[in-house]
Amino acid sequence: MASTPHRPRGRQTAHPGAAQWLANRISTVGELLTGRPVSLYAASVLRIGYGLLYLLFLLREFPHRDEIWGPDSPWTPALAQELFDQTGWNSILTLSDSRAYFELCYALALVTSALFLLGWRTRVVSLLFAGVVVSFHARAIFMTDGGDNLLLLMSIYLCLTACGRRWSLDARRHRLKAAGEGNAPQPVRSHSAQQLRDARTTLTTVVHNCGMFVIAAQVCFLYGSAGLYKVQGPSWGGGTALHYVLNLGLFQPWPALSHLVDEHTILIAIAGYMTVLLQVAFPFVLFGRLKYPVLTMLLGMHIGIALLMGLPLFSGAMIVADAVFLPDRFYTFLPHLCRRAAQRTGMRRPDSGRATASGSVPPQGRPGVLSSKR
């Protein structure tokens, strides 16, 4: 009789402990999603990188724009519309067969890419940029390489993020506006207006954080699936895959360079094994310091793909995507590192009279909490 009361008491003490642990995990995830926008600098790097890549892509293909996307393209607007009926895609380029309309769309695409790169009215321009990328991709889906597939996905994901908060014309405008207001008293808002403002800030933060997590998950899935797919092939397991890649006639921008690299058979085999290892292990090294050497080696791999296979758009898209895994402290340290390097080489004198935080970005406020400047 004396032993029976102790069993329920043990179960009652274990159950609240598990419930408390679950509540703490949920609270941590909720704070991560709603507390503050994460990786604002990384989002800005993605905006700058993909805006610059697509602008250069459009400028590079400017002499061939009619053969790829124009009314006289081998992939005619009628064929594109037939494919749209099957896939559900659409494109603004197929709305008219007029050459003047096509030239206007191309000019607007160039302007939109430049404005997205500079971060001007980013919330609206990001939607226009995604529409441009989707329209041009859908119009000539069989006329380009695989580099624009990732750029297409990232342009859609960036619409969810606050990619104009750093290193943009929007950030400069807000900084000048805050400096102009100075210590002027803030207008008194009603309780309902303040609640709506806080709800808007929280919603923007949640959407931005979810967008950044989706981008990171997309990159992890891309690397992991590519690595697992390579493992199944006998050529990658035998170390001869890169040998065949270097001898593909369609992917030899400089045949002499490809043949020169192909002469080092041992290094080619080691590079093939390292490629598979890096891609498979990539999702598992993101939460430690190993990610920095892994990202460095992946950077070298993509540079090699751009030079040896002639796929600069694909390599550039992957290099920019890898930037999402670098923390904000890395990007904030870069300007100091560049200034130190310039001062050591004598290219720039130290600014003694300049304020240290004159170029800093105002801190991000949270719902119900005023920033330190206010």
Foldseek 3Di string as FASTA:
>chain_A
DVPVVVVVVVVVVVVVVVVVVVVVVVVVVLCVQQVFAFPLVLLLLLQLLLLVLVLVVLVVCVVVCCCQQACPHPCHLVNLVVVCVVVVAAAPSSPDNDPVVVVVLSVVLNVLSVQSNQLDVNLVSLVVNLRSLSRSCSRRVPPDDPLSVLSNVLSVLSNQAPNNCPNHPVLVVVVVVLVVCAPPDDDDDDPVVLVVVQVVSRSSSNSNNVSLVVLVVVLLVVLQVVLVVLVPDVCLVVLNPLLVVLPDPLFAPPNVVSVVVSVPSVVSSVVSPVSSVLSNCVVVPLVDPVNVVSLVVLLVVLVCSCNRRVCVSNSSSSNSSSSSSDGPVVVVCVVVVVVVVCVVVVVDPDDPPDDPCPPPGFDDDHRPGDGPSD
